Amino acid sequence: MDKPNIRAYLAWIAICIIWGTTYLFIRIGVGTIPPVLFAGFRWLIAGIILITILRLSGKQFPKKEDLIHIAIIGIALLGFGNGLVVVGEQWIESGLAALLITTVPFWMVGVESFLPKGPKLNWMVITGLIIGSLGVGLIFGGDLKYIFETKYLIGVLSILGAVVSWSLGSVYSKYKKVSVHPLMSASIQMLIVGSLQIILGAILGEFTGLHFTQSGLISLAYLVVMGSIFGYGSYIYAIEHLPLSLVSTYAYVNPIIALVLGWIFLNEQLNIFILLASVVIIAGVVLVKIGSNKRTLLKRF
């Protein structure tokens, strides 16, 4: 039996924590910076910083034949996956966005299970996914009554589009291997997507409404360093070394972080029901982890 990849599990933990904080900063950022440009600046700056660090440490650029796959992954994950979250948070609260993102595990595990060589679902993984979703529902259930109001509809559809794109991109990344360091792949993705988003923002006329404020710049800086370089770098590493069903459970933990930040900065409610929901979510994560390990063992024998 292989030894556990400690770095991969630490990367997964980092995703759970860091990406739970990004909803708040995205919400603040799009309040002052147009959404497509905001996303583009984030990824372009992060890509330049990360690729500089990697080149100085001796990491090689990807081969030409890998660039198309890297571009597809980046456009799916960052371009549509993250970009639509930024667009959606113009109209919906960060808590509701976090709730909708929790459907990521269903899409990821479902898509992967339909692949010819993909792992098949077992009752423990399915039970864990259901329990985790129920736990998140306990936290944000009160927001569901607003989901079909006109002012939320565009935001909700944007987040759902982000979920589908992110899930497809993650599965593609898992099975379409490239012969380059994962972080170098991530940095190239950031450069490609950031450039495309800035071009799109210019076409949409967002530069005419662009003005930087202190809160906008702080949000952008946080998302570049923590959300992009550390967060996305950790995600790319984690899905290279851990089962998708386990990695995808970060979406259960993120809403807890988002909730606490909302309580601190936006005076949102925090009570015994929410604490109970947190326990339920953790139970779902544990079941998915155990179920994923069993699937791996069965494949070996």
C-alpha atoms as a PDB file:
ATOM      1  CA  MET A   1       0.000   0.000   0.000  1.00  0.00           C
ATOM      2  CA  ASP A   2       1.311   3.452  -0.924  1.00  0.00           C
ATOM      3  CA  LYS A   3       2.156   5.920   1.814  1.00  0.00           C
ATOM      4  CA  PRO A   4      -0.326   8.780   2.178  1.00  0.00           C
ATOM      5  CA  ASN A   5       0.692  11.914   0.272  1.00  0.00           C
ATOM      6  CA  ILE A   6       0.919  14.376   3.160  1.00  0.00           C
ATOM      7  CA  ARG A   7       1.522  17.345   0.876  1.00  0.00           C
ATOM      8  CA  ALA A   8      -1.611  16.546  -1.122  1.00  0.00           C
ATOM      9  CA  TYR A   9      -3.732  16.374   2.039  1.00  0.00           C
ATOM     10  CA  LEU A  10      -2.242  19.665   3.276  1.00  0.00           C
ATOM     11  CA  ALA A  11      -3.092  21.195  -0.112  1.00  0.00           C
ATOM     12  CA  TRP A  12      -6.678  19.962   0.276  1.00  0.00           C
ATOM     13  CA  ILE A  13      -6.911  21.513   3.759  1.00  0.00           C
ATOM     14  CA  ALA A  14      -5.566  24.795   2.363  1.00  0.00           C
ATOM     15  CA  ILE A  15      -8.275  24.778  -0.315  1.00  0.00           C
ATOM     16  CA  CYS A  16     -10.964  24.197   2.303  1.00  0.00           C
ATOM     17  CA  ILE A  17      -9.856  27.214   4.330  1.00  0.00           C
ATOM     18  CA  ILE A  18      -8.547  29.712   1.773  1.00  0.00           C
ATOM     19  CA  TRP A  19     -11.348  29.406  -0.758  1.00  0.00           C
ATOM     20  CA  GLY A  20     -13.905  29.843   2.000  1.00  0.00           C
ATOM     21  CA  THR A  21     -12.587  33.389   2.437  1.00  0.00           C
ATOM     22  CA  THR A  22     -12.631  34.338  -1.243  1.00  0.00           C
ATOM     23  CA  TYR A  23     -16.418  34.772  -1.491  1.00  0.00           C
ATOM     24  CA  LEU A  24     -16.247  37.783   0.818  1.00  0.00           C
ATOM     25  CA  PHE A  25     -13.371  39.412  -1.071  1.00  0.00           C
ATOM     26  CA  ILE A  26     -14.989  38.792  -4.465  1.00  0.00           C
ATOM     27  CA  ARG A  27     -18.187  40.398  -3.175  1.00  0.00           C
ATOM     28  CA  ILE A  28     -16.230  43.447  -1.992  1.00  0.00           C
ATOM     29  CA  GLY A  29     -14.140  43.652  -5.156  1.00  0.00           C
ATOM     30  CA  VAL A  30     -16.991  43.614  -7.687  1.00  0.00           C
ATOM     31  CA  GLY A  31     -18.600  46.445  -5.763  1.00  0.00           C
ATOM     32  CA  THR A  32     -15.972  48.835  -7.151  1.00  0.00           C
ATOM     33  CA  ILE A  33     -14.211  47.059 -10.065  1.00  0.00           C
ATOM     34  CA  PRO A  34     -16.102  45.717 -13.148  1.00  0.00           C
ATOM     35  CA  PRO A  35     -16.357  41.906 -12.830  1.00  0.00           C
ATOM     36  CA  VAL A  36     -14.602  40.650 -15.972  1.00  0.00           C
ATOM     37  CA  LEU A  37     -11.682  43.042 -15.518  1.00  0.00           C
ATOM     38  CA  PHE A  38     -11.553  42.204 -11.815  1.00  0.00           C
ATOM     39  CA  ALA A  39     -11.201  38.500 -12.633  1.00  0.00           C
ATOM     40  CA  GLY A  40      -8.739  39.202 -15.452  1.00  0.00           C
ATOM     41  CA  PHE A  41      -6.458  41.393 -13.344  1.00  0.00           C
ATOM     42  CA  ARG A  42      -6.482  38.747 -10.610  1.00  0.00           C
ATOM     43  CA  TRP A  43      -5.367  35.875 -12.813  1.00  0.00           C
ATOM     44  CA  LEU A  44      -2.917  37.817 -14.981  1.00  0.00           C
ATOM     45  CA  ILE A  45      -1.067  39.296 -11.996  1.00  0.00           C
ATOM     46  CA  ALA A  46      -1.052  35.954 -10.166  1.00  0.00           C
ATOM     47  CA  GLY A  47       0.199  34.158 -13.287  1.00  0.00           C
ATOM     48  CA  ILE A  48       3.078  36.600 -13.790  1.00  0.00           C
ATOM     49  CA  ILE A  49       4.164  36.298 -10.136  1.00  0.00           C
ATOM     50  CA  LEU A  50       3.879  32.507 -10.032  1.00  0.00           C
ATOM     51  CA  ILE A  51       5.615  31.849 -13.341  1.00  0.00           C
ATOM     52  CA  THR A  52       8.488  34.151 -12.311  1.00  0.00           C
ATOM     53  CA  ILE A  53       8.963  32.222  -9.060  1.00  0.00           C
ATOM     54  CA  LEU A  54       8.843  28.878 -10.870  1.00  0.00           C
ATOM     55  CA  ARG A  55      11.352  29.911 -13.545  1.00  0.00           C
ATOM     56  CA  LEU A  56      13.756  31.215 -10.911  1.00  0.00           C
ATOM     57  CA  SER A  57      13.496  27.843  -9.158  1.00  0.00           C
ATOM     58  CA  GLY A  58      14.394  26.015 -12.393  1.00  0.00           C
ATOM     59  CA  LYS A  59      10.959  24.761 -13.505  1.00  0.00           C
ATOM     60  CA  GLN A  60      10.576  24.261 -17.262  1.00  0.00           C
ATOM     61  CA  PHE A  61       7.902  25.647 -19.560  1.00  0.00           C
ATOM     62  CA  PRO A  62       5.366  23.117 -20.894  1.00  0.00           C
ATOM     63  CA  LYS A  63       5.843  21.412 -24.253  1.00  0.00           C
ATOM     64  CA  LYS A  64       3.912  22.766 -27.226  1.00  0.00           C
ATOM     65  CA  GLU A  65       1.697  19.679 -27.379  1.00  0.00           C
ATOM     66  CA  ASP A  66       0.594  20.289 -23.780  1.00  0.00           C
ATOM     67  CA  LEU A  67      -0.452  23.907 -24.285  1.00  0.00           C
ATOM     68  CA  ILE A  68      -3.845  23.095 -25.811  1.00  0.00           C
ATOM     69  CA  HIS A  69      -4.775  20.870 -22.854  1.00  0.00           C
ATOM     70  CA  ILE A  70      -3.512  23.466 -20.369  1.00  0.00           C
ATOM     71  CA  ALA A  71      -5.589  26.138 -22.128  1.00  0.00           C
ATOM     72  CA  ILE A  72      -8.745  23.973 -22.042  1.00  0.00           C
ATOM     73  CA  ILE A  73      -8.301  23.296 -18.317  1.00  0.00           C
ATOM     74  CA  GLY A  74      -7.653  26.962 -17.552  1.00  0.00           C
ATOM     75  CA  ILE A  75     -10.610  28.254 -19.555  1.00  0.00           C
ATOM     76  CA  ALA A  76     -12.949  25.707 -17.943  1.00  0.00           C
ATOM     77  CA  LEU A  77     -11.729  26.203 -14.366  1.00  0.00           C
ATOM     78  CA  LEU A  78     -10.699  29.849 -14.257  1.00  0.00           C
ATOM     79  CA  GLY A  79     -12.367  31.429 -17.261  1.00  0.00           C
ATOM     80  CA  PHE A  80     -15.885  30.068 -16.787  1.00  0.00           C
ATOM     81  CA  GLY A  81     -15.629  28.321 -13.397  1.00  0.00           C
ATOM     82  CA  ASN A  82     -14.286  31.280 -11.447  1.00  0.00           C
ATOM     83  CA  GLY A  83     -15.297  34.012 -13.874  1.00  0.00           C
ATOM     84  CA  LEU A  84     -18.999  33.207 -13.596  1.00  0.00           C
ATOM     85  CA  VAL A  85     -18.739  33.249  -9.798  1.00  0.00           C
ATOM     86  CA  VAL A  86     -17.382  36.793  -9.991  1.00  0.00           C
ATOM     87  CA  VAL A  87     -20.191  37.783 -12.369  1.00  0.00           C
ATOM     88  CA  GLY A  88     -22.829  36.070 -10.212  1.00  0.00           C
ATOM     89  CA  GLU A  89     -21.766  37.761  -6.986  1.00  0.00           C
ATOM     90  CA  GLN A  90     -22.828  41.102  -8.419  1.00  0.00           C
ATOM     91  CA  TRP A  91     -26.435  40.058  -7.811  1.00  0.00           C
ATOM     92  CA  ILE A  92     -26.425  37.390  -5.084  1.00  0.00           C
ATOM     93  CA  GLU A  93     -24.944  37.230  -1.623  1.00  0.00           C
ATOM     94  CA  SER A  94     -21.738  35.335  -0.967  1.00  0.00           C
ATOM     95  CA  GLY A  95     -23.595  32.871   1.283  1.00  0.00           C
ATOM     96  CA  LEU A  96     -25.972  31.807  -1.471  1.00  0.00           C
ATOM     97  CA  ALA A  97     -23.058  31.545  -3.916  1.00  0.00           C
ATOM     98  CA  ALA A  98     -21.276  29.242  -1.475  1.00  0.00           C
ATOM     99  CA  LEU A  99     -24.417  27.106  -1.137  1.00  0.00           C
ATOM    100  CA  LEU A 100     -24.743  26.651  -4.891  1.00  0.00           C
ATOM    101  CA  ILE A 101     -21.059  25.752  -5.189  1.00  0.00           C
ATOM    102  CA  THR A 102     -21.672  22.771  -2.898  1.00  0.00           C
ATOM    103  CA  THR A 103     -23.218  20.949  -5.858  1.00  0.00           C
ATOM    104  CA  VAL A 104     -19.692  20.606  -7.306  1.00  0.00           C
ATOM    105  CA  PRO A 105     -19.092  17.135  -5.740  1.00  0.00           C
ATOM    106  CA  PHE A 106     -22.225  15.712  -7.407  1.00  0.00           C
ATOM    107  CA  TRP A 107     -21.099  16.896 -10.822  1.00  0.00           C
ATOM    108  CA  MET A 108     -17.486  15.831 -10.340  1.00  0.00           C
ATOM    109  CA  VAL A 109     -18.199  12.377  -8.974  1.00  0.00           C
ATOM    110  CA  GLY A 110     -21.076  11.844 -11.411  1.00  0.00           C
ATOM    111  CA  VAL A 111     -19.092  12.826 -14.513  1.00  0.00           C
ATOM    112  CA  GLU A 112     -16.088  10.760 -13.427  1.00  0.00           C
ATOM    113  CA  SER A 113     -18.224   7.679 -12.743  1.00  0.00           C
ATOM    114  CA  PHE A 114     -19.489   7.710 -16.353  1.00  0.00           C
ATOM    115  CA  LEU A 115     -15.980   7.578 -17.795  1.00  0.00           C
ATOM    116  CA  PRO A 116     -14.876   4.113 -19.017  1.00  0.00           C
ATOM    117  CA  LYS A 117     -11.899   4.078 -16.636  1.00  0.00           C
ATOM    118  CA  GLY A 118     -13.480   6.196 -13.946  1.00  0.00           C
ATOM    119  CA  PRO A 119     -14.144   4.891 -10.403  1.00  0.00           C
ATOM    120  CA  LYS A 120     -17.712   3.771  -9.775  1.00  0.00           C
ATOM    121  CA  LEU A 121     -19.886   5.138  -7.002  1.00  0.00           C
ATOM    122  CA  ASN A 122     -20.428   3.175  -3.815  1.00  0.00           C
ATOM    123  CA  TRP A 123     -23.037   3.622  -1.124  1.00  0.00           C
ATOM    124  CA  MET A 124     -20.601   5.305   1.291  1.00  0.00           C
ATOM    125  CA  VAL A 125     -19.556   8.017  -1.163  1.00  0.00           C
ATOM    126  CA  ILE A 126     -23.177   8.669  -2.158  1.00  0.00           C
ATOM    127  CA  THR A 127     -24.259   8.814   1.494  1.00  0.00           C
ATOM    128  CA  GLY A 128     -21.426  11.208   2.325  1.00  0.00           C
ATOM    129  CA  LEU A 129     -22.327  13.533  -0.526  1.00  0.00           C
ATOM    130  CA  ILE A 130     -25.981  13.582   0.509  1.00  0.00           C
ATOM    131  CA  ILE A 131     -25.201  14.190   4.178  1.00  0.00           C
ATOM    132  CA  GLY A 132     -22.772  16.980   3.312  1.00  0.00           C
ATOM    133  CA  SER A 133     -25.362  18.703   1.131  1.00  0.00           C
ATOM    134  CA  LEU A 134     -28.001  18.401   3.854  1.00  0.00           C
ATOM    135  CA  GLY A 135     -25.592  20.030   6.289  1.00  0.00           C
ATOM    136  CA  VAL A 136     -25.032  22.975   3.982  1.00  0.00           C
ATOM    137  CA  GLY A 137     -28.786  23.222   3.480  1.00  0.00           C
ATOM    138  CA  LEU A 138     -29.184  23.620   7.244  1.00  0.00           C
ATOM    139  CA  ILE A 139     -26.813  26.583   7.171  1.00  0.00           C
ATOM    140  CA  PHE A 140     -28.225  28.465   4.200  1.00  0.00           C
ATOM    141  CA  GLY A 141     -31.731  27.045   3.919  1.00  0.00           C
ATOM    142  CA  GLY A 142     -33.257  30.419   4.671  1.00  0.00           C
ATOM    143  CA  ASP A 143     -31.840  31.863   1.445  1.00  0.00           C
ATOM    144  CA  LEU A 144     -33.605  29.350  -0.796  1.00  0.00           C
ATOM    145  CA  LYS A 145     -36.906  31.261  -0.733  1.00  0.00           C
ATOM    146  CA  TYR A 146     -35.234  34.051  -2.692  1.00  0.00           C
ATOM    147  CA  ILE A 147     -33.671  31.842  -5.341  1.00  0.00           C
ATOM    148  CA  PHE A 148     -36.322  32.398  -8.013  1.00  0.00           C
ATOM    149  CA  GLU A 149     -36.722  36.148  -7.548  1.00  0.00           C
ATOM    150  CA  THR A 150     -35.787  38.124 -10.660  1.00  0.00           C
ATOM    151  CA  LYS A 151     -32.885  39.991  -9.057  1.00  0.00           C
ATOM    152  CA  TYR A 152     -31.247  36.693  -8.077  1.00  0.00           C
ATOM    153  CA  LEU A 153     -31.936  34.679 -11.241  1.00  0.00           C
ATOM    154  CA  ILE A 154     -28.984  35.891 -13.315  1.00  0.00           C
ATOM    155  CA  GLY A 155     -26.674  35.442 -10.348  1.00  0.00           C
ATOM    156  CA  VAL A 156     -27.959  31.938  -9.644  1.00  0.00           C
ATOM    157  CA  LEU A 157     -27.616  30.868 -13.286  1.00  0.00           C
ATOM    158  CA  SER A 158     -24.086  32.276 -13.373  1.00  0.00           C
ATOM    159  CA  ILE A 159     -23.078  30.270 -10.309  1.00  0.00           C
ATOM    160  CA  LEU A 160     -24.657  27.080 -11.685  1.00  0.00           C
ATOM    161  CA  GLY A 161     -22.798  27.602 -14.957  1.00  0.00           C
ATOM    162  CA  ALA A 162     -19.614  28.022 -12.946  1.00  0.00           C
ATOM    163  CA  VAL A 163     -20.279  24.754 -11.098  1.00  0.00           C
ATOM    164  CA  VAL A 164     -20.744  22.761 -14.302  1.00  0.00           C
ATOM    165  CA  SER A 165     -17.681  24.259 -15.985  1.00  0.00           C
ATOM    166  CA  TRP A 166     -15.497  23.802 -12.896  1.00  0.00           C
ATOM    167  CA  SER A 167     -16.530  20.163 -12.540  1.00  0.00           C
ATOM    168  CA  LEU A 168     -15.918  19.324 -16.204  1.00  0.00           C
ATOM    169  CA  GLY A 169     -12.562  21.096 -16.127  1.00  0.00           C
ATOM    170  CA  SER A 170     -11.516  19.228 -13.000  1.00  0.00           C
ATOM    171  CA  VAL A 171     -12.356  15.835 -14.489  1.00  0.00           C
ATOM    172  CA  TYR A 172     -10.582  16.746 -17.746  1.00  0.00           C
ATOM    173  CA  SER A 173      -7.519  17.815 -15.746  1.00  0.00           C
ATOM    174  CA  LYS A 174      -7.553  14.574 -13.786  1.00  0.00           C
ATOM    175  CA  TYR A 175      -7.501  12.307 -16.851  1.00  0.00           C
ATOM    176  CA  LYS A 176      -5.672  14.452 -19.421  1.00  0.00           C
ATOM    177  CA  LYS A 177      -2.172  14.433 -17.991  1.00  0.00           C
ATOM    178  CA  VAL A 178       0.441  16.948 -19.131  1.00  0.00           C
ATOM    179  CA  SER A 179       4.197  16.497 -18.779  1.00  0.00           C
ATOM    180  CA  VAL A 180       4.867  19.670 -16.805  1.00  0.00           C
ATOM    181  CA  HIS A 181       5.005  20.622 -13.134  1.00  0.00           C
ATOM    182  CA  PRO A 182       1.436  21.194 -11.822  1.00  0.00           C
ATOM    183  CA  LEU A 183       2.206  24.721 -10.637  1.00  0.00           C
ATOM    184  CA  MET A 184       3.741  25.633 -13.999  1.00  0.00           C
ATOM    185  CA  SER A 185       0.548  24.367 -15.625  1.00  0.00           C
ATOM    186  CA  ALA A 186      -1.479  26.509 -13.207  1.00  0.00           C
ATOM    187  CA  SER A 187       0.600  29.627 -13.941  1.00  0.00           C
ATOM    188  CA  ILE A 188       0.182  29.215 -17.710  1.00  0.00           C
ATOM    189  CA  GLN A 189      -3.575  28.784 -17.180  1.00  0.00           C
ATOM    190  CA  MET A 190      -3.648  32.027 -15.206  1.00  0.00           C
ATOM    191  CA  LEU A 191      -1.755  33.942 -17.917  1.00  0.00           C
ATOM    192  CA  ILE A 192      -4.010  32.655 -20.708  1.00  0.00           C
ATOM    193  CA  VAL A 193      -7.277  33.232 -18.875  1.00  0.00           C
ATOM    194  CA  GLY A 194      -6.266  36.571 -17.369  1.00  0.00           C
ATOM    195  CA  SER A 195      -5.298  37.906 -20.803  1.00  0.00           C
ATOM    196  CA  LEU A 196      -8.526  36.666 -22.401  1.00  0.00           C
ATOM    197  CA  GLN A 197     -10.673  38.141 -19.616  1.00  0.00           C
ATOM    198  CA  ILE A 198      -9.001  41.549 -19.882  1.00  0.00           C
ATOM    199  CA  ILE A 199      -9.578  41.527 -23.652  1.00  0.00           C
ATOM    200  CA  LEU A 200     -13.229  40.547 -23.046  1.00  0.00           C
ATOM    201  CA  GLY A 201     -13.584  43.278 -20.434  1.00  0.00           C
ATOM    202  CA  ALA A 202     -12.273  45.821 -22.943  1.00  0.00           C
ATOM    203  CA  ILE A 203     -14.742  44.608 -25.595  1.00  0.00           C
ATOM    204  CA  LEU A 204     -17.585  44.932 -23.059  1.00  0.00           C
ATOM    205  CA  GLY A 205     -16.506  48.498 -22.324  1.00  0.00           C
ATOM    206  CA  GLU A 206     -15.608  47.865 -18.690  1.00  0.00           C
ATOM    207  CA  PHE A 207     -12.555  50.149 -18.804  1.00  0.00           C
ATOM    208  CA  THR A 208     -14.874  53.177 -19.004  1.00  0.00           C
ATOM    209  CA  GLY A 209     -16.297  52.306 -15.578  1.00  0.00           C
ATOM    210  CA  LEU A 210     -13.008  51.261 -13.998  1.00  0.00           C
ATOM    211  CA  HIS A 211     -11.868  53.051 -10.876  1.00  0.00           C
ATOM    212  CA  PHE A 212      -9.757  51.665  -8.048  1.00  0.00           C
ATOM    213  CA  THR A 213     -10.632  52.091  -4.388  1.00  0.00           C
ATOM    214  CA  GLN A 214      -8.784  50.981  -1.291  1.00  0.00           C
ATOM    215  CA  SER A 215     -11.236  48.136  -0.618  1.00  0.00           C
ATOM    216  CA  GLY A 216     -11.097  47.018  -4.247  1.00  0.00           C
ATOM    217  CA  LEU A 217      -7.308  46.935  -4.308  1.00  0.00           C
ATOM    218  CA  ILE A 218      -7.113  45.074  -0.982  1.00  0.00           C
ATOM    219  CA  SER A 219      -9.601  42.490  -2.284  1.00  0.00           C
ATOM    220  CA  LEU A 220      -7.653  42.118  -5.533  1.00  0.00           C
ATOM    221  CA  ALA A 221      -4.340  41.700  -3.693  1.00  0.00           C
ATOM    222  CA  TYR A 222      -5.790  39.069  -1.354  1.00  0.00           C
ATOM    223  CA  LEU A 223      -7.315  37.092  -4.215  1.00  0.00           C
ATOM    224  CA  VAL A 224      -4.070  37.239  -6.212  1.00  0.00           C
ATOM    225  CA  VAL A 225      -1.840  35.968  -3.417  1.00  0.00           C
ATOM    226  CA  MET A 226      -4.087  33.739  -1.329  1.00  0.00           C
ATOM    227  CA  GLY A 227      -6.949  32.768  -3.631  1.00  0.00           C
ATOM    228  CA  SER A 228      -4.920  32.351  -6.826  1.00  0.00           C
ATOM    229  CA  ILE A 229      -1.283  31.526  -6.070  1.00  0.00           C
ATOM    230  CA  PHE A 230      -1.761  29.520  -2.865  1.00  0.00           C
ATOM    231  CA  GLY A 231      -5.372  28.392  -3.347  1.00  0.00           C
ATOM    232  CA  TYR A 232      -5.403  27.426  -7.017  1.00  0.00           C
ATOM    233  CA  GLY A 233      -1.867  26.052  -6.832  1.00  0.00           C
ATOM    234  CA  SER A 234      -2.992  23.807  -3.987  1.00  0.00           C
ATOM    235  CA  TYR A 235      -6.075  22.704  -5.927  1.00  0.00           C
ATOM    236  CA  ILE A 236      -4.075  21.717  -9.017  1.00  0.00           C
ATOM    237  CA  TYR A 237      -1.673  19.746  -6.821  1.00  0.00           C
ATOM    238  CA  ALA A 238      -4.469  18.056  -4.862  1.00  0.00           C
ATOM    239  CA  ILE A 239      -6.419  16.790  -7.886  1.00  0.00           C
ATOM    240  CA  GLU A 240      -3.171  15.367  -9.289  1.00  0.00           C
ATOM    241  CA  HIS A 241      -2.669  13.168  -6.209  1.00  0.00           C
ATOM    242  CA  LEU A 242      -6.029  12.569  -4.491  1.00  0.00           C
ATOM    243  CA  PRO A 243      -9.444  11.152  -5.548  1.00  0.00           C
ATOM    244  CA  LEU A 244     -11.729  13.786  -7.051  1.00  0.00           C
ATOM    245  CA  SER A 245     -14.537  12.780  -4.702  1.00  0.00           C
ATOM    246  CA  LEU A 246     -12.333  13.710  -1.750  1.00  0.00           C
ATOM    247  CA  VAL A 247     -10.906  16.917  -3.202  1.00  0.00           C
ATOM    248  CA  SER A 248     -14.400  18.100  -4.170  1.00  0.00           C
ATOM    249  CA  THR A 249     -15.503  18.040  -0.536  1.00  0.00           C
ATOM    250  CA  TYR A 250     -13.780  21.403  -0.066  1.00  0.00           C
ATOM    251  CA  ALA A 251     -17.117  22.785  -1.263  1.00  0.00           C
ATOM    252  CA  TYR A 252     -18.705  21.592   1.996  1.00  0.00           C
ATOM    253  CA  VAL A 253     -16.184  23.388   4.187  1.00  0.00           C
ATOM    254  CA  ASN A 254     -16.012  26.661   2.250  1.00  0.00           C
ATOM    255  CA  PRO A 255     -19.566  27.750   3.221  1.00  0.00           C
ATOM    256  CA  ILE A 256     -18.692  27.401   6.911  1.00  0.00           C
ATOM    257  CA  ILE A 257     -15.782  29.795   6.462  1.00  0.00           C
ATOM    258  CA  ALA A 258     -17.962  32.120   4.384  1.00  0.00           C
ATOM    259  CA  LEU A 259     -20.620  32.030   7.098  1.00  0.00           C
ATOM    260  CA  VAL A 260     -18.206  32.953   9.877  1.00  0.00           C
ATOM    261  CA  LEU A 261     -16.825  35.851   7.836  1.00  0.00           C
ATOM    262  CA  GLY A 262     -20.363  37.005   7.109  1.00  0.00           C
ATOM    263  CA  TRP A 263     -21.112  36.903  10.834  1.00  0.00           C
ATOM    264  CA  ILE A 264     -17.996  38.925  11.655  1.00  0.00           C
ATOM    265  CA  PHE A 265     -18.117  41.520   8.874  1.00  0.00           C
ATOM    266  CA  LEU A 266     -21.772  41.570   7.784  1.00  0.00           C
ATOM    267  CA  ASN A 267     -23.505  40.812  11.108  1.00  0.00           C
ATOM    268  CA  GLU A 268     -25.068  37.590   9.785  1.00  0.00           C
ATOM    269  CA  GLN A 269     -26.666  35.104  12.157  1.00  0.00           C
ATOM    270  CA  LEU A 270     -24.710  32.353  13.910  1.00  0.00           C
ATOM    271  CA  ASN A 271     -26.599  29.982  16.228  1.00  0.00           C
ATOM    272  CA  ILE A 272     -26.840  26.407  17.526  1.00  0.00           C
ATOM    273  CA  PHE A 273     -28.453  25.180  14.291  1.00  0.00           C
ATOM    274  CA  ILE A 274     -25.471  26.365  12.304  1.00  0.00           C
ATOM    275  CA  LEU A 275     -23.066  24.663  14.698  1.00  0.00           C
ATOM    276  CA  LEU A 276     -25.099  21.453  14.302  1.00  0.00           C
ATOM    277  CA  ALA A 277     -24.939  21.818  10.526  1.00  0.00           C
ATOM    278  CA  SER A 278     -21.158  22.091  10.731  1.00  0.00           C
ATOM    279  CA  VAL A 279     -21.006  18.708  12.469  1.00  0.00           C
ATOM    280  CA  VAL A 280     -23.217  17.189   9.754  1.00  0.00           C
ATOM    281  CA  ILE A 281     -20.969  18.586   7.024  1.00  0.00           C
ATOM    282  CA  ILE A 282     -17.831  17.150   8.636  1.00  0.00           C
ATOM    283  CA  ALA A 283     -19.562  13.760   8.885  1.00  0.00           C
ATOM    284  CA  GLY A 284     -20.280  13.896   5.155  1.00  0.00           C
ATOM    285  CA  VAL A 285     -16.643  14.736   4.391  1.00  0.00           C
ATOM    286  CA  VAL A 286     -15.439  11.798   6.495  1.00  0.00           C
ATOM    287  CA  LEU A 287     -17.781   9.350   4.726  1.00  0.00           C
ATOM    288  CA  VAL A 288     -16.656  10.492   1.297  1.00  0.00           C
ATOM    289  CA  LYS A 289     -13.012  10.119   2.329  1.00  0.00           C
ATOM    290  CA  ILE A 290     -13.576   6.599   3.643  1.00  0.00           C
ATOM    291  CA  GLY A 291     -15.591   5.637   0.556  1.00  0.00           C
ATOM    292  CA  SER A 292     -12.894   7.018  -1.748  1.00  0.00           C
ATOM    293  CA  ASN A 293     -10.202   5.009   0.029  1.00  0.00           C
ATOM    294  CA  LYS A 294     -12.274   1.841  -0.324  1.00  0.00           C
ATOM    295  CA  ARG A 295     -12.671   2.409  -4.054  1.00  0.00           C
ATOM    296  CA  THR A 296      -8.908   2.811  -4.404  1.00  0.00           C
ATOM    297  CA  LEU A 297      -8.247  -0.417  -2.504  1.00  0.00           C
ATOM    298  CA  LEU A 298     -10.781  -2.369  -4.558  1.00  0.00           C
ATOM    299  CA  LYS A 299      -9.153  -1.211  -7.798  1.00  0.00           C
ATOM    300  CA  ARG A 300      -5.792  -2.529  -6.580  1.00  0.00           C
ATOM    301  CA  PHE A 301      -7.155  -5.979  -5.843  1.00  0.00           C
END
